[in-house]
Amino acid sequence: FGINSILYQRGIYPPETFTRVTHYDMSLQLTTDPKLKNYLTNVVSQLKEWLFECTVQKLVLVITCLETNEVLERWQFDIECDKSAKESSAPREKSIKTIQDEIRSVIRQITATVTFLPLLETPC
């Protein structure tokens, strides 16, 4: 949801290629663009593997200028894996409310950050 939120709020894809959904007691934008959906599905699938193996430490979304390839924005999400969960066969107990609160917090941080950023005036 975070990547969709950034792509929508920063105007990387046209607003008509997103649909509004409600998850985690929040209104969110999800892409309807088939190529982008497929790409994000592949990224998330790989990310799940890395999370399970505890081999990922950060996820970075880079927004570049289409014409010059200049980096315009860099969104970095630091990831903390629970390595003890990998060693234990018992599932970790984390309430749905806690998980939803954490997701809402990330989305709110993205939205708050976007309000301070200048408009992107070049095709990205």
PDB file of N, CA and C in Angstrom:
ATOM      1  N   PHE A   1       0.821  -1.203   0.000  1.00  0.00           N
ATOM      2  CA  PHE A   1       0.000   0.000   0.000  1.00  0.00           C
ATOM      3  C   PHE A   1       0.858   1.257   0.000  1.00  0.00           C
ATOM      4  N   GLY A   2       2.024   1.175   0.643  1.00  0.00           N
ATOM      5  CA  GLY A   2       2.900   2.337   0.726  1.00  0.00           C
ATOM      6  C   GLY A   2       3.386   2.792  -0.636  1.00  0.00           C
ATOM      7  N   ILE A   3       3.803   1.851  -1.465  1.00  0.00           N
ATOM      8  CA  ILE A   3       4.303   2.201  -2.804  1.00  0.00           C
ATOM      9  C   ILE A   3       3.174   2.794  -3.642  1.00  0.00           C
ATOM     10  N   ASN A   4       1.996   2.180  -3.598  1.00  0.00           N
ATOM     11  CA  ASN A   4       0.841   2.733  -4.308  1.00  0.00           C
ATOM     12  C   ASN A   4       0.556   4.151  -3.844  1.00  0.00           C
ATOM     13  N   SER A   5       0.650   4.375  -2.551  1.00  0.00           N
ATOM     14  CA  SER A   5       0.385   5.691  -1.984  1.00  0.00           C
ATOM     15  C   SER A   5       1.366   6.733  -2.526  1.00  0.00           C
ATOM     16  N   ILE A   6       2.633   6.377  -2.567  1.00  0.00           N
ATOM     17  CA  ILE A   6       3.645   7.304  -3.083  1.00  0.00           C
ATOM     18  C   ILE A   6       3.407   7.574  -4.565  1.00  0.00           C
ATOM     19  N   LEU A   7       3.194   6.540  -5.347  1.00  0.00           N
ATOM     20  CA  LEU A   7       2.996   6.713  -6.786  1.00  0.00           C
ATOM     21  C   LEU A   7       1.767   7.572  -7.081  1.00  0.00           C
ATOM     22  N   TYR A   8       0.730   7.413  -6.278  1.00  0.00           N
ATOM     23  CA  TYR A   8      -0.487   8.207  -6.462  1.00  0.00           C
ATOM     24  C   TYR A   8      -0.268   9.651  -6.011  1.00  0.00           C
ATOM     25  N   GLN A   9       0.196   9.810  -4.775  1.00  0.00           N
ATOM     26  CA  GLN A   9       0.315  11.151  -4.203  1.00  0.00           C
ATOM     27  C   GLN A   9       1.357  12.014  -4.910  1.00  0.00           C
ATOM     28  N   ARG A  10       2.381  11.394  -5.470  1.00  0.00           N
ATOM     29  CA  ARG A  10       3.415  12.159  -6.172  1.00  0.00           C
ATOM     30  C   ARG A  10       3.078  12.339  -7.648  1.00  0.00           C
ATOM     31  N   GLY A  11       1.962  11.770  -8.101  1.00  0.00           N
ATOM     32  CA  GLY A  11       1.527  11.965  -9.476  1.00  0.00           C
ATOM     33  C   GLY A  11       2.387  11.246 -10.503  1.00  0.00           C
ATOM     34  N   ILE A  12       3.023  10.147 -10.088  1.00  0.00           N
ATOM     35  CA  ILE A  12       3.878   9.393 -11.005  1.00  0.00           C
ATOM     36  C   ILE A  12       3.025   8.715 -12.083  1.00  0.00           C
ATOM     37  N   TYR A  13       1.854   8.241 -11.690  1.00  0.00           N
ATOM     38  CA  TYR A  13       0.885   7.663 -12.622  1.00  0.00           C
ATOM     39  C   TYR A  13      -0.373   8.524 -12.561  1.00  0.00           C
ATOM     40  N   PRO A  14      -1.127   8.599 -13.640  1.00  0.00           N
ATOM     41  CA  PRO A  14      -2.350   9.415 -13.643  1.00  0.00           C
ATOM     42  C   PRO A  14      -3.346   8.942 -12.579  1.00  0.00           C
ATOM     43  N   PRO A  15      -4.064   9.879 -11.971  1.00  0.00           N
ATOM     44  CA  PRO A  15      -5.018   9.506 -10.907  1.00  0.00           C
ATOM     45  C   PRO A  15      -6.090   8.527 -11.378  1.00  0.00           C
ATOM     46  N   GLU A  16      -6.434   8.565 -12.668  1.00  0.00           N
ATOM     47  CA  GLU A  16      -7.477   7.653 -13.156  1.00  0.00           C
ATOM     48  C   GLU A  16      -7.008   6.206 -13.218  1.00  0.00           C
ATOM     49  N   THR A  17      -5.704   5.965 -13.006  1.00  0.00           N
ATOM     50  CA  THR A  17      -5.206   4.580 -12.991  1.00  0.00           C
ATOM     51  C   THR A  17      -5.166   4.017 -11.570  1.00  0.00           C
ATOM     52  N   PHE A  18      -5.859   4.675 -10.657  1.00  0.00           N
ATOM     53  CA  PHE A  18      -5.952   4.208  -9.275  1.00  0.00           C
ATOM     54  C   PHE A  18      -7.412   4.094  -8.879  1.00  0.00           C
ATOM     55  N   THR A  19      -7.674   3.213  -7.943  1.00  0.00           N
ATOM     56  CA  THR A  19      -9.014   3.072  -7.397  1.00  0.00           C
ATOM     57  C   THR A  19      -8.927   3.187  -5.874  1.00  0.00           C
ATOM     58  N   ARG A  20      -9.951   3.770  -5.303  1.00  0.00           N
ATOM     59  CA  ARG A  20      -9.980   3.959  -3.851  1.00  0.00           C
ATOM     60  C   ARG A  20     -10.516   2.702  -3.178  1.00  0.00           C
ATOM     61  N   VAL A  21      -9.787   2.226  -2.170  1.00  0.00           N
ATOM     62  CA  VAL A  21     -10.216   1.066  -1.388  1.00  0.00           C
ATOM     63  C   VAL A  21     -10.089   1.417   0.093  1.00  0.00           C
ATOM     64  N   THR A  22     -10.782   0.684   0.919  1.00  0.00           N
ATOM     65  CA  THR A  22     -10.677   0.883   2.355  1.00  0.00           C
ATOM     66  C   THR A  22     -10.048  -0.349   2.977  1.00  0.00           C
ATOM     67  N   HIS A  23      -8.908  -0.147   3.623  1.00  0.00           N
ATOM     68  CA  HIS A  23      -8.209  -1.193   4.358  1.00  0.00           C
ATOM     69  C   HIS A  23      -7.661  -0.570   5.627  1.00  0.00           C
ATOM     70  N   TYR A  24      -7.622  -1.352   6.699  1.00  0.00           N
ATOM     71  CA  TYR A  24      -7.024  -0.901   7.962  1.00  0.00           C
ATOM     72  C   TYR A  24      -7.696   0.376   8.460  1.00  0.00           C
ATOM     73  N   ASP A  25      -8.991   0.500   8.204  1.00  0.00           N
ATOM     74  CA  ASP A  25      -9.755   1.688   8.583  1.00  0.00           C
ATOM     75  C   ASP A  25      -9.199   2.950   7.943  1.00  0.00           C
ATOM     76  N   MET A  26      -8.640   2.814   6.749  1.00  0.00           N
ATOM     77  CA  MET A  26      -8.106   3.957   6.012  1.00  0.00           C
ATOM     78  C   MET A  26      -8.560   3.868   4.560  1.00  0.00           C
ATOM     79  N   SER A  27      -8.709   5.013   3.942  1.00  0.00           N
ATOM     80  CA  SER A  27      -8.988   5.065   2.515  1.00  0.00           C
ATOM     81  C   SER A  27      -7.646   5.107   1.787  1.00  0.00           C
ATOM     82  N   LEU A  28      -7.417   4.137   0.909  1.00  0.00           N
ATOM     83  CA  LEU A  28      -6.141   4.010   0.211  1.00  0.00           C
ATOM     84  C   LEU A  28      -6.362   3.966  -1.293  1.00  0.00           C
ATOM     85  N   GLN A  29      -5.331   4.306  -2.037  1.00  0.00           N
ATOM     86  CA  GLN A  29      -5.377   4.235  -3.487  1.00  0.00           C
ATOM     87  C   GLN A  29      -4.572   3.024  -3.954  1.00  0.00           C
ATOM     88  N   LEU A  30      -5.161   2.220  -4.826  1.00  0.00           N
ATOM     89  CA  LEU A  30      -4.472   1.071  -5.412  1.00  0.00           C
ATOM     90  C   LEU A  30      -4.478   1.223  -6.926  1.00  0.00           C
ATOM     91  N   THR A  31      -3.368   0.873  -7.542  1.00  0.00           N
ATOM     92  CA  THR A  31      -3.278   0.988  -8.992  1.00  0.00           C
ATOM     93  C   THR A  31      -4.198  -0.012  -9.690  1.00  0.00           C
ATOM     94  N   THR A  32      -4.699   0.419 -10.821  1.00  0.00           N
ATOM     95  CA  THR A  32      -5.468  -0.477 -11.677  1.00  0.00           C
ATOM     96  C   THR A  32      -4.696  -0.762 -12.966  1.00  0.00           C
ATOM     97  N   ASP A  33      -3.517  -0.156 -13.102  1.00  0.00           N
ATOM     98  CA  ASP A  33      -2.683  -0.360 -14.289  1.00  0.00           C
ATOM     99  C   ASP A  33      -2.141  -1.789 -14.287  1.00  0.00           C
ATOM    100  N   PRO A  34      -2.485  -2.597 -15.297  1.00  0.00           N
ATOM    101  CA  PRO A  34      -2.092  -4.017 -15.285  1.00  0.00           C
ATOM    102  C   PRO A  34      -0.577  -4.239 -15.210  1.00  0.00           C
ATOM    103  N   LYS A  35       0.189  -3.459 -15.953  1.00  0.00           N
ATOM    104  CA  LYS A  35       1.645  -3.642 -15.942  1.00  0.00           C
ATOM    105  C   LYS A  35       2.237  -3.284 -14.581  1.00  0.00           C
ATOM    106  N   LEU A  36       1.752  -2.202 -13.989  1.00  0.00           N
ATOM    107  CA  LEU A  36       2.242  -1.809 -12.667  1.00  0.00           C
ATOM    108  C   LEU A  36       1.818  -2.823 -11.612  1.00  0.00           C
ATOM    109  N   LYS A  37       0.583  -3.298 -11.689  1.00  0.00           N
ATOM    110  CA  LYS A  37       0.113  -4.320 -10.741  1.00  0.00           C
ATOM    111  C   LYS A  37       0.984  -5.567 -10.810  1.00  0.00           C
ATOM    112  N   ASN A  38       1.294  -5.994 -12.023  1.00  0.00           N
ATOM    113  CA  ASN A  38       2.131  -7.174 -12.213  1.00  0.00           C
ATOM    114  C   ASN A  38       3.527  -6.940 -11.642  1.00  0.00           C
ATOM    115  N   TYR A  39       4.090  -5.788 -11.923  1.00  0.00           N
ATOM    116  CA  TYR A  39       5.423  -5.461 -11.417  1.00  0.00           C
ATOM    117  C   TYR A  39       5.432  -5.467  -9.883  1.00  0.00           C
ATOM    118  N   LEU A  40       4.455  -4.786  -9.279  1.00  0.00           N
ATOM    119  CA  LEU A  40       4.407  -4.718  -7.816  1.00  0.00           C
ATOM    120  C   LEU A  40       4.162  -6.095  -7.198  1.00  0.00           C
ATOM    121  N   THR A  41       3.364  -6.924  -7.852  1.00  0.00           N
ATOM    122  CA  THR A  41       3.143  -8.292  -7.365  1.00  0.00           C
ATOM    123  C   THR A  41       4.460  -9.057  -7.327  1.00  0.00           C
ATOM    124  N   ASN A  42       5.261  -8.920  -8.387  1.00  0.00           N
ATOM    125  CA  ASN A  42       6.570  -9.585  -8.431  1.00  0.00           C
ATOM    126  C   ASN A  42       7.513  -9.058  -7.353  1.00  0.00           C
ATOM    127  N   VAL A  43       7.524  -7.751  -7.164  1.00  0.00           N
ATOM    128  CA  VAL A  43       8.388  -7.147  -6.140  1.00  0.00           C
ATOM    129  C   VAL A  43       7.986  -7.651  -4.755  1.00  0.00           C
ATOM    130  N   VAL A  44       6.697  -7.633  -4.464  1.00  0.00           N
ATOM    131  CA  VAL A  44       6.214  -8.069  -3.152  1.00  0.00           C
ATOM    132  C   VAL A  44       6.492  -9.551  -2.931  1.00  0.00           C
ATOM    133  N   SER A  45       6.338 -10.345  -3.967  1.00  0.00           N
ATOM    134  CA  SER A  45       6.633 -11.777  -3.863  1.00  0.00           C
ATOM    135  C   SER A  45       8.100 -12.004  -3.493  1.00  0.00           C
ATOM    136  N   GLN A  46       8.998 -11.301  -4.167  1.00  0.00           N
ATOM    137  CA  GLN A  46      10.418 -11.435  -3.853  1.00  0.00           C
ATOM    138  C   GLN A  46      10.718 -10.911  -2.452  1.00  0.00           C
ATOM    139  N   LEU A  47      10.084  -9.810  -2.104  1.00  0.00           N
ATOM    140  CA  LEU A  47      10.287  -9.227  -0.779  1.00  0.00           C
ATOM    141  C   LEU A  47       9.859 -10.189   0.318  1.00  0.00           C
ATOM    142  N   LYS A  48       8.765 -10.914   0.110  1.00  0.00           N
ATOM    143  CA  LYS A  48       8.308 -11.906   1.096  1.00  0.00           C
ATOM    144  C   LYS A  48       9.371 -12.970   1.316  1.00  0.00           C
ATOM    145  N   GLU A  49       9.991 -13.431   0.227  1.00  0.00           N
ATOM    146  CA  GLU A  49      11.067 -14.426   0.358  1.00  0.00           C
ATOM    147  C   GLU A  49      12.227 -13.871   1.178  1.00  0.00           C
ATOM    148  N   TRP A  50      12.635 -12.658   0.846  1.00  0.00           N
ATOM    149  CA  TRP A  50      13.749 -12.043   1.575  1.00  0.00           C
ATOM    150  C   TRP A  50      13.403 -11.819   3.045  1.00  0.00           C
ATOM    151  N   LEU A  51      12.152 -11.451   3.317  1.00  0.00           N
ATOM    152  CA  LEU A  51      11.729 -11.257   4.709  1.00  0.00           C
ATOM    153  C   LEU A  51      11.784 -12.575   5.470  1.00  0.00           C
ATOM    154  N   PHE A  52      11.307 -13.640   4.842  1.00  0.00           N
ATOM    155  CA  PHE A  52      11.327 -14.953   5.483  1.00  0.00           C
ATOM    156  C   PHE A  52      12.764 -15.391   5.779  1.00  0.00           C
ATOM    157  N   GLU A  53      13.673 -15.084   4.857  1.00  0.00           N
ATOM    158  CA  GLU A  53      15.082 -15.460   5.021  1.00  0.00           C
ATOM    159  C   GLU A  53      15.872 -14.449   5.848  1.00  0.00           C
ATOM    160  N   CYS A  54      15.243 -13.340   6.191  1.00  0.00           N
ATOM    161  CA  CYS A  54      15.893 -12.245   6.937  1.00  0.00           C
ATOM    162  C   CYS A  54      17.131 -11.721   6.191  1.00  0.00           C
ATOM    163  N   THR A  55      17.008 -11.593   4.878  1.00  0.00           N
ATOM    164  CA  THR A  55      18.130 -11.111   4.078  1.00  0.00           C
ATOM    165  C   THR A  55      17.916  -9.698   3.538  1.00  0.00           C
ATOM    166  N   VAL A  56      16.812  -9.072   3.900  1.00  0.00           N
ATOM    167  CA  VAL A  56      16.532  -7.709   3.440  1.00  0.00           C
ATOM    168  C   VAL A  56      16.628  -6.757   4.626  1.00  0.00           C
ATOM    169  N   GLN A  57      17.237  -5.594   4.385  1.00  0.00           N
ATOM    170  CA  GLN A  57      17.375  -4.592   5.436  1.00  0.00           C
ATOM    171  C   GLN A  57      16.669  -3.294   5.110  1.00  0.00           C
ATOM    172  N   LYS A  58      16.465  -3.049   3.821  1.00  0.00           N
ATOM    173  CA  LYS A  58      15.754  -1.839   3.423  1.00  0.00           C
ATOM    174  C   LYS A  58      15.134  -2.028   2.053  1.00  0.00           C
ATOM    175  N   LEU A  59      14.092  -1.253   1.828  1.00  0.00           N
ATOM    176  CA  LEU A  59      13.426  -1.199   0.533  1.00  0.00           C
ATOM    177  C   LEU A  59      13.503   0.259   0.097  1.00  0.00           C
ATOM    178  N   VAL A  60      13.973   0.489  -1.118  1.00  0.00           N
ATOM    179  CA  VAL A  60      14.144   1.852  -1.604  1.00  0.00           C
ATOM    180  C   VAL A  60      13.337   2.031  -2.881  1.00  0.00           C
ATOM    181  N   LEU A  61      12.525   3.084  -2.912  1.00  0.00           N
ATOM    182  CA  LEU A  61      11.783   3.470  -4.102  1.00  0.00           C
ATOM    183  C   LEU A  61      12.432   4.746  -4.624  1.00  0.00           C
ATOM    184  N   VAL A  62      12.977   4.677  -5.826  1.00  0.00           N
ATOM    185  CA  VAL A  62      13.663   5.819  -6.419  1.00  0.00           C
ATOM    186  C   VAL A  62      12.803   6.371  -7.553  1.00  0.00           C
ATOM    187  N   ILE A  63      12.569   7.668  -7.514  1.00  0.00           N
ATOM    188  CA  ILE A  63      11.821   8.350  -8.565  1.00  0.00           C
ATOM    189  C   ILE A  63      12.829   9.141  -9.382  1.00  0.00           C
ATOM    190  N   THR A  64      12.878   8.838 -10.687  1.00  0.00           N
ATOM    191  CA  THR A  64      13.853   9.496 -11.560  1.00  0.00           C
ATOM    192  C   THR A  64      13.152  10.240 -12.689  1.00  0.00           C
ATOM    193  N   CYS A  65      13.861  11.207 -13.241  1.00  0.00           N
ATOM    194  CA  CYS A  65      13.396  11.955 -14.402  1.00  0.00           C
ATOM    195  C   CYS A  65      13.488  11.038 -15.620  1.00  0.00           C
ATOM    196  N   LEU A  66      12.414  10.937 -16.388  1.00  0.00           N
ATOM    197  CA  LEU A  66      12.419  10.075 -17.572  1.00  0.00           C
ATOM    198  C   LEU A  66      13.447  10.532 -18.611  1.00  0.00           C
ATOM    199  N   GLU A  67      13.635  11.833 -18.735  1.00  0.00           N
ATOM    200  CA  GLU A  67      14.515  12.367 -19.775  1.00  0.00           C
ATOM    201  C   GLU A  67      15.995  12.250 -19.418  1.00  0.00           C
ATOM    202  N   THR A  68      16.343  12.554 -18.158  1.00  0.00           N
ATOM    203  CA  THR A  68      17.764  12.625 -17.778  1.00  0.00           C
ATOM    204  C   THR A  68      18.203  11.485 -16.870  1.00  0.00           C
ATOM    205  N   ASN A  69      17.249  10.739 -16.357  1.00  0.00           N
ATOM    206  CA  ASN A  69      17.522   9.670 -15.387  1.00  0.00           C
ATOM    207  C   ASN A  69      18.046  10.211 -14.053  1.00  0.00           C
ATOM    208  N   GLU A  70      17.926  11.512 -13.845  1.00  0.00           N
ATOM    209  CA  GLU A  70      18.336  12.147 -12.591  1.00  0.00           C
ATOM    210  C   GLU A  70      17.413  11.683 -11.462  1.00  0.00           C
ATOM    211  N   VAL A  71      18.002  11.373 -10.322  1.00  0.00           N
ATOM    212  CA  VAL A  71      17.201  10.973  -9.155  1.00  0.00           C
ATOM    213  C   VAL A  71      16.511  12.214  -8.594  1.00  0.00           C
ATOM    214  N   LEU A  72      15.190  12.171  -8.549  1.00  0.00           N
ATOM    215  CA  LEU A  72      14.400  13.286  -8.027  1.00  0.00           C
ATOM    216  C   LEU A  72      13.986  13.054  -6.578  1.00  0.00           C
ATOM    217  N   GLU A  73      13.670  11.822  -6.251  1.00  0.00           N
ATOM    218  CA  GLU A  73      13.290  11.459  -4.885  1.00  0.00           C
ATOM    219  C   GLU A  73      13.776  10.053  -4.593  1.00  0.00           C
ATOM    220  N   ARG A  74      14.019   9.839  -3.315  1.00  0.00           N
ATOM    221  CA  ARG A  74      14.446   8.512  -2.859  1.00  0.00           C
ATOM    222  C   ARG A  74      13.702   8.227  -1.565  1.00  0.00           C
ATOM    223  N   TRP A  75      12.828   7.247  -1.609  1.00  0.00           N
ATOM    224  CA  TRP A  75      12.053   6.844  -0.437  1.00  0.00           C
ATOM    225  C   TRP A  75      12.673   5.572   0.121  1.00  0.00           C
ATOM    226  N   GLN A  76      13.140   5.628   1.344  1.00  0.00           N
ATOM    227  CA  GLN A  76      13.794   4.468   1.950  1.00  0.00           C
ATOM    228  C   GLN A  76      12.983   3.968   3.135  1.00  0.00           C
ATOM    229  N   PHE A  77      12.710   2.666   3.118  1.00  0.00           N
ATOM    230  CA  PHE A  77      11.985   2.017   4.202  1.00  0.00           C
ATOM    231  C   PHE A  77      12.934   1.024   4.855  1.00  0.00           C
ATOM    232  N   ASP A  78      13.317   1.297   6.091  1.00  0.00           N
ATOM    233  CA  ASP A  78      14.190   0.375   6.820  1.00  0.00           C
ATOM    234  C   ASP A  78      13.352  -0.780   7.340  1.00  0.00           C
ATOM    235  N   ILE A  79      13.902  -1.981   7.205  1.00  0.00           N
ATOM    236  CA  ILE A  79      13.170  -3.196   7.569  1.00  0.00           C
ATOM    237  C   ILE A  79      13.928  -3.938   8.654  1.00  0.00           C
ATOM    238  N   GLU A  80      13.218  -4.286   9.705  1.00  0.00           N
ATOM    239  CA  GLU A  80      13.804  -5.069  10.786  1.00  0.00           C
ATOM    240  C   GLU A  80      13.162  -6.445  10.783  1.00  0.00           C
ATOM    241  N   CYS A  81      13.979  -7.447  10.581  1.00  0.00           N
ATOM    242  CA  CYS A  81      13.491  -8.829  10.599  1.00  0.00           C
ATOM    243  C   CYS A  81      13.719  -9.426  11.979  1.00  0.00           C
ATOM    244  N   ASP A  82      12.793 -10.244  12.402  1.00  0.00           N
ATOM    245  CA  ASP A  82      12.935 -10.966  13.664  1.00  0.00           C
ATOM    246  C   ASP A  82      13.621 -12.291  13.362  1.00  0.00           C
ATOM    247  N   LYS A  83      14.936 -12.316  13.521  1.00  0.00           N
ATOM    248  CA  LYS A  83      15.704 -13.522  13.180  1.00  0.00           C
ATOM    249  C   LYS A  83      15.341 -14.707  14.068  1.00  0.00           C
ATOM    250  N   SER A  84      14.867 -14.442  15.270  1.00  0.00           N
ATOM    251  CA  SER A  84      14.475 -15.555  16.141  1.00  0.00           C
ATOM    252  C   SER A  84      13.219 -16.245  15.601  1.00  0.00           C
ATOM    253  N   ALA A  85      12.402 -15.513  14.835  1.00  0.00           N
ATOM    254  CA  ALA A  85      11.197 -16.122  14.251  1.00  0.00           C
ATOM    255  C   ALA A  85      11.578 -17.163  13.214  1.00  0.00           C
ATOM    256  N   LYS A  86      12.685 -16.945  12.537  1.00  0.00           N
ATOM    257  CA  LYS A  86      13.149 -17.893  11.521  1.00  0.00           C
ATOM    258  C   LYS A  86      13.596 -19.201  12.165  1.00  0.00           C
ATOM    259  N   GLU A  87      14.194 -19.090  13.337  1.00  0.00           N
ATOM    260  CA  GLU A  87      14.724 -20.262  14.026  1.00  0.00           C
ATOM    261  C   GLU A  87      13.642 -21.064  14.726  1.00  0.00           C
ATOM    262  N   SER A  88      12.558 -20.412  15.074  1.00  0.00           N
ATOM    263  CA  SER A  88      11.471 -21.065  15.796  1.00  0.00           C
ATOM    264  C   SER A  88      10.376 -21.474  14.821  1.00  0.00           C
ATOM    265  N   SER A  89       9.842 -22.662  15.003  1.00  0.00           N
ATOM    266  CA  SER A  89       8.766 -23.105  14.112  1.00  0.00           C
ATOM    267  C   SER A  89       7.413 -22.567  14.577  1.00  0.00           C
ATOM    268  N   ALA A  90       7.349 -22.062  15.801  1.00  0.00           N
ATOM    269  CA  ALA A  90       6.091 -21.533  16.317  1.00  0.00           C
ATOM    270  C   ALA A  90       5.825 -20.154  15.714  1.00  0.00           C
ATOM    271  N   PRO A  91       4.600 -19.892  15.296  1.00  0.00           N
ATOM    272  CA  PRO A  91       4.288 -18.578  14.725  1.00  0.00           C
ATOM    273  C   PRO A  91       4.367 -17.486  15.791  1.00  0.00           C
ATOM    274  N   ARG A  92       4.772 -16.319  15.382  1.00  0.00           N
ATOM    275  CA  ARG A  92       4.843 -15.167  16.281  1.00  0.00           C
ATOM    276  C   ARG A  92       3.438 -14.624  16.504  1.00  0.00           C
ATOM    277  N   GLU A  93       3.200 -14.203  17.725  1.00  0.00           N
ATOM    278  CA  GLU A  93       1.900 -13.633  18.053  1.00  0.00           C
ATOM    279  C   GLU A  93       1.993 -12.117  18.022  1.00  0.00           C
ATOM    280  N   LYS A  94       1.280 -11.528  17.093  1.00  0.00           N
ATOM    281  CA  LYS A  94       1.167 -10.082  17.002  1.00  0.00           C
ATOM    282  C   LYS A  94      -0.280  -9.821  16.641  1.00  0.00           C
ATOM    283  N   SER A  95      -0.938  -8.998  17.409  1.00  0.00           N
ATOM    284  CA  SER A  95      -2.365  -8.788  17.186  1.00  0.00           C
ATOM    285  C   SER A  95      -2.606  -8.086  15.856  1.00  0.00           C
ATOM    286  N   ILE A  96      -3.767  -8.368  15.293  1.00  0.00           N
ATOM    287  CA  ILE A  96      -4.169  -7.712  14.047  1.00  0.00           C
ATOM    288  C   ILE A  96      -4.214  -6.205  14.269  1.00  0.00           C
ATOM    289  N   LYS A  97      -4.673  -5.780  15.435  1.00  0.00           N
ATOM    290  CA  LYS A  97      -4.744  -4.352  15.731  1.00  0.00           C
ATOM    291  C   LYS A  97      -3.355  -3.728  15.684  1.00  0.00           C
ATOM    292  N   THR A  98      -2.356  -4.391  16.255  1.00  0.00           N
ATOM    293  CA  THR A  98      -0.989  -3.872  16.243  1.00  0.00           C
ATOM    294  C   THR A  98      -0.466  -3.765  14.814  1.00  0.00           C
ATOM    295  N   ILE A  99      -0.702  -4.790  14.017  1.00  0.00           N
ATOM    296  CA  ILE A  99      -0.260  -4.786  12.620  1.00  0.00           C
ATOM    297  C   ILE A  99      -0.950  -3.653  11.856  1.00  0.00           C
ATOM    298  N   GLN A 100      -2.258  -3.515  12.036  1.00  0.00           N
ATOM    299  CA  GLN A 100      -2.996  -2.457  11.355  1.00  0.00           C
ATOM    300  C   GLN A 100      -2.531  -1.074  11.803  1.00  0.00           C
ATOM    301  N   ASP A 101      -2.250  -0.913  13.089  1.00  0.00           N
ATOM    302  CA  ASP A 101      -1.748   0.368  13.601  1.00  0.00           C
ATOM    303  C   ASP A 101      -0.404   0.716  12.960  1.00  0.00           C
ATOM    304  N   GLU A 102       0.457  -0.281  12.798  1.00  0.00           N
ATOM    305  CA  GLU A 102       1.769  -0.046  12.195  1.00  0.00           C
ATOM    306  C   GLU A 102       1.628   0.338  10.721  1.00  0.00           C
ATOM    307  N   ILE A 103       0.737  -0.326  10.001  1.00  0.00           N
ATOM    308  CA  ILE A 103       0.506   0.001   8.585  1.00  0.00           C
ATOM    309  C   ILE A 103      -0.066   1.413   8.470  1.00  0.00           C
ATOM    310  N   ARG A 104      -1.056   1.730   9.296  1.00  0.00           N
ATOM    311  CA  ARG A 104      -1.633   3.083   9.283  1.00  0.00           C
ATOM    312  C   ARG A 104      -0.564   4.127   9.560  1.00  0.00           C
ATOM    313  N   SER A 105       0.326   3.843  10.481  1.00  0.00           N
ATOM    314  CA  SER A 105       1.393   4.781  10.826  1.00  0.00           C
ATOM    315  C   SER A 105       2.303   5.061   9.631  1.00  0.00           C
ATOM    316  N   VAL A 106       2.678   4.022   8.901  1.00  0.00           N
ATOM    317  CA  VAL A 106       3.537   4.200   7.720  1.00  0.00           C
ATOM    318  C   VAL A 106       2.823   5.032   6.661  1.00  0.00           C
ATOM    319  N   ILE A 107       1.562   4.710   6.393  1.00  0.00           N
ATOM    320  CA  ILE A 107       0.802   5.459   5.378  1.00  0.00           C
ATOM    321  C   ILE A 107       0.663   6.921   5.788  1.00  0.00           C
ATOM    322  N   ARG A 108       0.415   7.169   7.054  1.00  0.00           N
ATOM    323  CA  ARG A 108       0.298   8.558   7.531  1.00  0.00           C
ATOM    324  C   ARG A 108       1.629   9.299   7.406  1.00  0.00           C
ATOM    325  N   GLN A 109       2.727   8.614   7.673  1.00  0.00           N
ATOM    326  CA  GLN A 109       4.044   9.239   7.522  1.00  0.00           C
ATOM    327  C   GLN A 109       4.301   9.610   6.061  1.00  0.00           C
ATOM    328  N   ILE A 110       3.916   8.726   5.150  1.00  0.00           N
ATOM    329  CA  ILE A 110       4.077   9.021   3.722  1.00  0.00           C
ATOM    330  C   ILE A 110       3.257  10.255   3.356  1.00  0.00           C
ATOM    331  N   THR A 111       1.992  10.277   3.774  1.00  0.00           N
ATOM    332  CA  THR A 111       1.104  11.398   3.458  1.00  0.00           C
ATOM    333  C   THR A 111       1.638  12.699   4.047  1.00  0.00           C
ATOM    334  N   ALA A 112       2.104  12.652   5.280  1.00  0.00           N
ATOM    335  CA  ALA A 112       2.649  13.856   5.917  1.00  0.00           C
ATOM    336  C   ALA A 112       3.894  14.343   5.184  1.00  0.00           C
ATOM    337  N   THR A 113       4.742  13.426   4.759  1.00  0.00           N
ATOM    338  CA  THR A 113       5.966  13.801   4.054  1.00  0.00           C
ATOM    339  C   THR A 113       5.640  14.444   2.709  1.00  0.00           C
ATOM    340  N   VAL A 114       4.685  13.882   1.991  1.00  0.00           N
ATOM    341  CA  VAL A 114       4.314  14.394   0.670  1.00  0.00           C
ATOM    342  C   VAL A 114       3.854  15.845   0.753  1.00  0.00           C
ATOM    343  N   THR A 115       3.186  16.222   1.838  1.00  0.00           N
ATOM    344  CA  THR A 115       2.671  17.590   1.953  1.00  0.00           C
ATOM    345  C   THR A 115       3.797  18.620   1.985  1.00  0.00           C
ATOM    346  N   PHE A 116       5.014  18.212   2.354  1.00  0.00           N
ATOM    347  CA  PHE A 116       6.135  19.137   2.431  1.00  0.00           C
ATOM    348  C   PHE A 116       6.997  19.137   1.170  1.00  0.00           C
ATOM    349  N   LEU A 117       6.732  18.234   0.245  1.00  0.00           N
ATOM    350  CA  LEU A 117       7.562  18.123  -0.950  1.00  0.00           C
ATOM    351  C   LEU A 117       7.049  19.030  -2.068  1.00  0.00           C
ATOM    352  N   PRO A 118       7.970  19.557  -2.874  1.00  0.00           N
ATOM    353  CA  PRO A 118       7.516  20.357  -4.032  1.00  0.00           C
ATOM    354  C   PRO A 118       6.899  19.453  -5.082  1.00  0.00           C
ATOM    355  N   LEU A 119       6.103  20.051  -5.958  1.00  0.00           N
ATOM    356  CA  LEU A 119       5.502  19.288  -7.040  1.00  0.00           C
ATOM    357  C   LEU A 119       6.588  18.788  -7.978  1.00  0.00           C
ATOM    358  N   LEU A 120       6.397  17.602  -8.517  1.00  0.00           N
ATOM    359  CA  LEU A 120       7.311  17.073  -9.523  1.00  0.00           C
ATOM    360  C   LEU A 120       6.863  17.650 -10.871  1.00  0.00           C
ATOM    361  N   GLU A 121       7.721  18.462 -11.468  1.00  0.00           N
ATOM    362  CA  GLU A 121       7.316  19.157 -12.696  1.00  0.00           C
ATOM    363  C   GLU A 121       7.903  18.530 -13.951  1.00  0.00           C
ATOM    364  N   THR A 122       8.555  17.400 -13.819  1.00  0.00           N
ATOM    365  CA  THR A 122       9.143  16.728 -14.969  1.00  0.00           C
ATOM    366  C   THR A 122       8.557  15.322 -15.044  1.00  0.00           C
ATOM    367  N   PRO A 123       8.422  14.761 -16.235  1.00  0.00           N
ATOM    368  CA  PRO A 123       7.910  13.390 -16.334  1.00  0.00           C
ATOM    369  C   PRO A 123       8.823  12.404 -15.607  1.00  0.00           C
ATOM    370  N   CYS A 124       8.201  11.554 -14.779  1.00  0.00           N
ATOM    371  CA  CYS A 124       8.967  10.588 -13.976  1.00  0.00           C
ATOM    372  C   CYS A 124       8.594   9.179 -14.364  1.00  0.00           C
TER     373      CYS A 124
END
